C-alpha atoms as a PDB file:
ATOM      1  CA  MET A   1      11.571  35.771 -60.309  1.00  0.00           C
ATOM      2  CA  HIS A   2       9.848  39.087 -61.014  1.00  0.00           C
ATOM      3  CA  GLU A   3       7.784  38.716 -57.843  1.00  0.00           C
ATOM      4  CA  LEU A   4      10.773  40.019 -55.831  1.00  0.00           C
ATOM      5  CA  SER A   5      10.785  43.169 -57.960  1.00  0.00           C
ATOM      6  CA  LEU A   6       7.016  43.500 -57.482  1.00  0.00           C
ATOM      7  CA  ALA A   7       7.438  43.089 -53.713  1.00  0.00           C
ATOM      8  CA  GLY A   8      10.021  45.886 -53.724  1.00  0.00           C
ATOM      9  CA  GLY A   9       7.614  48.124 -55.622  1.00  0.00           C
ATOM     10  CA  ILE A  10       4.807  47.366 -53.172  1.00  0.00           C
ATOM     11  CA  LEU A  11       7.093  48.217 -50.244  1.00  0.00           C
ATOM     12  CA  ARG A  12       8.015  51.541 -51.917  1.00  0.00           C
ATOM     13  CA  VAL A  13       4.314  52.396 -52.312  1.00  0.00           C
ATOM     14  CA  LEU A  14       3.725  51.592 -48.637  1.00  0.00           C
ATOM     15  CA  GLU A  15       6.691  53.733 -47.570  1.00  0.00           C
ATOM     16  CA  GLN A  16       5.415  56.638 -49.703  1.00  0.00           C
ATOM     17  CA  THR A  17       2.037  56.272 -48.008  1.00  0.00           C
ATOM     18  CA  ARG A  18       3.770  56.463 -44.634  1.00  0.00           C
ATOM     19  CA  VAL A  19       5.446  59.760 -45.622  1.00  0.00           C
ATOM     20  CA  ARG A  20       2.077  61.215 -46.640  1.00  0.00           C
ATOM     21  CA  ASP A  21       0.150  59.750 -43.678  1.00  0.00           C
ATOM     22  CA  PRO A  22       2.567  58.957 -40.791  1.00  0.00           C
ATOM     23  CA  PHE A  23       2.214  55.643 -38.957  1.00  0.00           C
ATOM     24  CA  GLU A  24       4.541  53.346 -37.003  1.00  0.00           C
ATOM     25  CA  ARG A  25       4.139  50.043 -38.860  1.00  0.00           C
ATOM     26  CA  ILE A  26       1.739  47.902 -40.869  1.00  0.00           C
ATOM     27  CA  THR A  27       0.008  45.075 -38.992  1.00  0.00           C
ATOM     28  CA  GLN A  28      -2.111  43.752 -41.858  1.00  0.00           C
ATOM     29  CA  LEU A  29      -1.791  44.196 -45.620  1.00  0.00           C
ATOM     30  CA  ARG A  30      -4.385  43.095 -48.160  1.00  0.00           C
ATOM     31  CA  LEU A  31      -3.498  42.895 -51.839  1.00  0.00           C
ATOM     32  CA  GLU A  32      -5.489  42.026 -54.931  1.00  0.00           C
ATOM     33  CA  VAL A  33      -3.685  40.067 -57.637  1.00  0.00           C
ATOM     34  CA  GLY A  34      -5.865  39.125 -60.589  1.00  0.00           C
ATOM     35  CA  ALA A  35      -5.767  35.640 -62.084  1.00  0.00           C
ATOM     36  CA  LEU A  36      -4.443  37.112 -65.355  1.00  0.00           C
ATOM     37  CA  ALA A  37      -1.806  39.372 -63.765  1.00  0.00           C
ATOM     38  CA  GLY A  38       0.990  36.891 -64.423  1.00  0.00           C
ATOM     39  CA  VAL A  39       2.018  36.763 -60.767  1.00  0.00           C
ATOM     40  CA  GLU A  40       2.702  33.612 -58.769  1.00  0.00           C
ATOM     41  CA  ILE A  41       0.829  34.310 -55.507  1.00  0.00           C
ATOM     42  CA  GLU A  42       2.980  32.209 -53.180  1.00  0.00           C
ATOM     43  CA  SER A  43       6.194  33.598 -54.703  1.00  0.00           C
ATOM     44  CA  LEU A  44       4.930  37.142 -54.113  1.00  0.00           C
ATOM     45  CA  ARG A  45       3.997  36.281 -50.524  1.00  0.00           C
ATOM     46  CA  PHE A  46       7.463  34.765 -49.975  1.00  0.00           C
ATOM     47  CA  ALA A  47       9.173  37.799 -51.535  1.00  0.00           C
ATOM     48  CA  LEU A  48       7.194  40.224 -49.362  1.00  0.00           C
ATOM     49  CA  THR A  49       8.019  38.235 -46.241  1.00  0.00           C
ATOM     50  CA  SER A  50      11.687  38.063 -47.243  1.00  0.00           C
ATOM     51  CA  ILE A  51      12.133  41.815 -47.701  1.00  0.00           C
ATOM     52  CA  ALA A  52       9.946  42.814 -44.735  1.00  0.00           C
ATOM     53  CA  GLU A  53      12.603  42.480 -42.020  1.00  0.00           C
ATOM     54  CA  ASN A  54      13.528  45.888 -40.537  1.00  0.00           C
ATOM     55  CA  THR A  55      10.828  47.673 -42.574  1.00  0.00           C
ATOM     56  CA  ILE A  56       7.320  48.950 -41.843  1.00  0.00           C
ATOM     57  CA  LEU A  57       6.066  45.583 -43.115  1.00  0.00           C
ATOM     58  CA  ALA A  58       7.945  43.474 -40.538  1.00  0.00           C
ATOM     59  CA  GLY A  59       5.597  41.036 -38.799  1.00  0.00           C
ATOM     60  CA  ALA A  60       2.579  42.065 -40.864  1.00  0.00           C
ATOM     61  CA  SER A  61      -0.141  39.624 -41.832  1.00  0.00           C
ATOM     62  CA  ILE A  62      -0.365  39.501 -45.632  1.00  0.00           C
ATOM     63  CA  GLU A  63      -3.624  38.560 -47.352  1.00  0.00           C
ATOM     64  CA  ILE A  64      -3.777  38.188 -51.122  1.00  0.00           C
ATOM     65  CA  ASP A  65      -7.135  38.035 -52.913  1.00  0.00           C
ATOM     66  CA  GLN A  66      -7.206  36.647 -56.466  1.00  0.00           C
ATOM     67  CA  PRO A  67     -10.189  37.810 -58.521  1.00  0.00           C
ATOM     68  CA  PRO A  68     -10.979  35.652 -61.574  1.00  0.00           C
ATOM     69  CA  GLY A  69     -10.052  36.550 -65.114  1.00  0.00           C
ATOM     70  CA  ASP A  70     -12.634  37.965 -67.503  1.00  0.00           C
ATOM     71  CA  ALA A  71     -12.292  38.558 -71.225  1.00  0.00           C
ATOM     72  CA  TRP A  72     -14.235  39.742 -74.237  1.00  0.00           C
ATOM     73  CA  CYS A  73     -14.326  37.181 -77.049  1.00  0.00           C
ATOM     74  CA  LEU A  74     -13.997  38.951 -80.392  1.00  0.00           C
ATOM     75  CA  PRO A  75     -15.375  36.103 -82.574  1.00  0.00           C
ATOM     76  CA  CYS A  76     -18.566  35.476 -80.566  1.00  0.00           C
ATOM     77  CA  GLY A  77     -18.941  38.922 -78.969  1.00  0.00           C
ATOM     78  CA  GLN A  78     -19.442  37.620 -75.437  1.00  0.00           C
ATOM     79  CA  SER A  79     -17.906  38.301 -72.043  1.00  0.00           C
ATOM     80  CA  VAL A  80     -16.406  35.084 -70.645  1.00  0.00           C
ATOM     81  CA  SER A  81     -14.477  33.889 -67.599  1.00  0.00           C
ATOM     82  CA  ILE A  82     -10.985  32.478 -68.137  1.00  0.00           C
ATOM     83  CA  THR A  83      -8.230  31.292 -65.817  1.00  0.00           C
ATOM     84  CA  SER A  84      -5.265  31.898 -68.159  1.00  0.00           C
ATOM     85  CA  ARG A  85      -4.463  34.208 -71.045  1.00  0.00           C
ATOM     86  CA  LEU A  86      -3.907  31.043 -73.115  1.00  0.00           C
ATOM     87  CA  ASP A  87      -7.420  29.689 -72.531  1.00  0.00           C
ATOM     88  CA  PRO A  88      -9.762  29.455 -75.513  1.00  0.00           C
ATOM     89  CA  CYS A  89     -13.223  30.976 -75.339  1.00  0.00           C
ATOM     90  CA  PRO A  90     -15.411  28.512 -73.415  1.00  0.00           C
ATOM     91  CA  LEU A  91     -18.324  29.338 -75.735  1.00  0.00           C
ATOM     92  CA  CYS A  92     -16.866  29.198 -79.261  1.00  0.00           C
ATOM     93  CA  GLY A  93     -13.313  27.874 -78.785  1.00  0.00           C
ATOM     94  CA  GLY A  94     -11.783  30.999 -80.330  1.00  0.00           C
ATOM     95  CA  HIS A  95      -8.470  32.427 -79.157  1.00  0.00           C
ATOM     96  CA  GLN A  96      -9.074  36.104 -79.877  1.00  0.00           C
ATOM     97  CA  LEU A  97      -9.768  37.174 -76.302  1.00  0.00           C
ATOM     98  CA  GLN A  98      -9.277  40.648 -74.870  1.00  0.00           C
ATOM     99  CA  PRO A  99      -8.802  40.575 -71.069  1.00  0.00           C
ATOM    100  CA  THR A 100     -11.264  42.869 -69.282  1.00  0.00           C
ATOM    101  CA  GLY A 101     -10.704  41.882 -65.648  1.00  0.00           C
ATOM    102  CA  GLY A 102      -8.358  39.969 -63.405  1.00  0.00           C
ATOM    103  CA  THR A 103      -5.205  41.751 -64.629  1.00  0.00           C
ATOM    104  CA  GLU A 104      -4.761  44.047 -61.630  1.00  0.00           C
ATOM    105  CA  LEU A 105      -2.157  44.125 -58.883  1.00  0.00           C
ATOM    106  CA  ARG A 106      -3.084  46.613 -56.185  1.00  0.00           C
ATOM    107  CA  VAL A 107      -2.998  47.379 -52.500  1.00  0.00           C
ATOM    108  CA  VAL A 108      -6.593  47.061 -51.282  1.00  0.00           C
ATOM    109  CA  ASP A 109      -6.105  48.199 -47.698  1.00  0.00           C
ATOM    110  CA  MET A 110      -3.855  47.990 -44.680  1.00  0.00           C
ATOM    111  CA  GLN A 111      -4.118  48.237 -40.929  1.00  0.00           C
ATOM    112  CA  VAL A 112      -1.467  50.300 -39.217  1.00  0.00           C
ATOM    113  CA  GLU A 113      -0.291  51.252 -35.747  1.00  0.00           C
END
């Protein structure tokens, strides 16, 4: 389960932010995890909740947005929407797709006390 490792990395980023900009704790955290990022959303949420105890993330509300996947189809030269890296091009059926969006994992914002 690599989501636990990702959750640990997110917590480290939040702690580094706290060093740079002091605050007591996080009350709300909003993440963006693209559809093509290869992350199981509910597993990431569970991992974050599991490691949050006795940290700045304890008791925080966690929202995770999932933007759709976009790709450039090399055979037909079009930008298309896909839900998986294994999807064929919905226009020509080709499999030579270069992801152009929906691959990100980032902290969008947070509310702190």
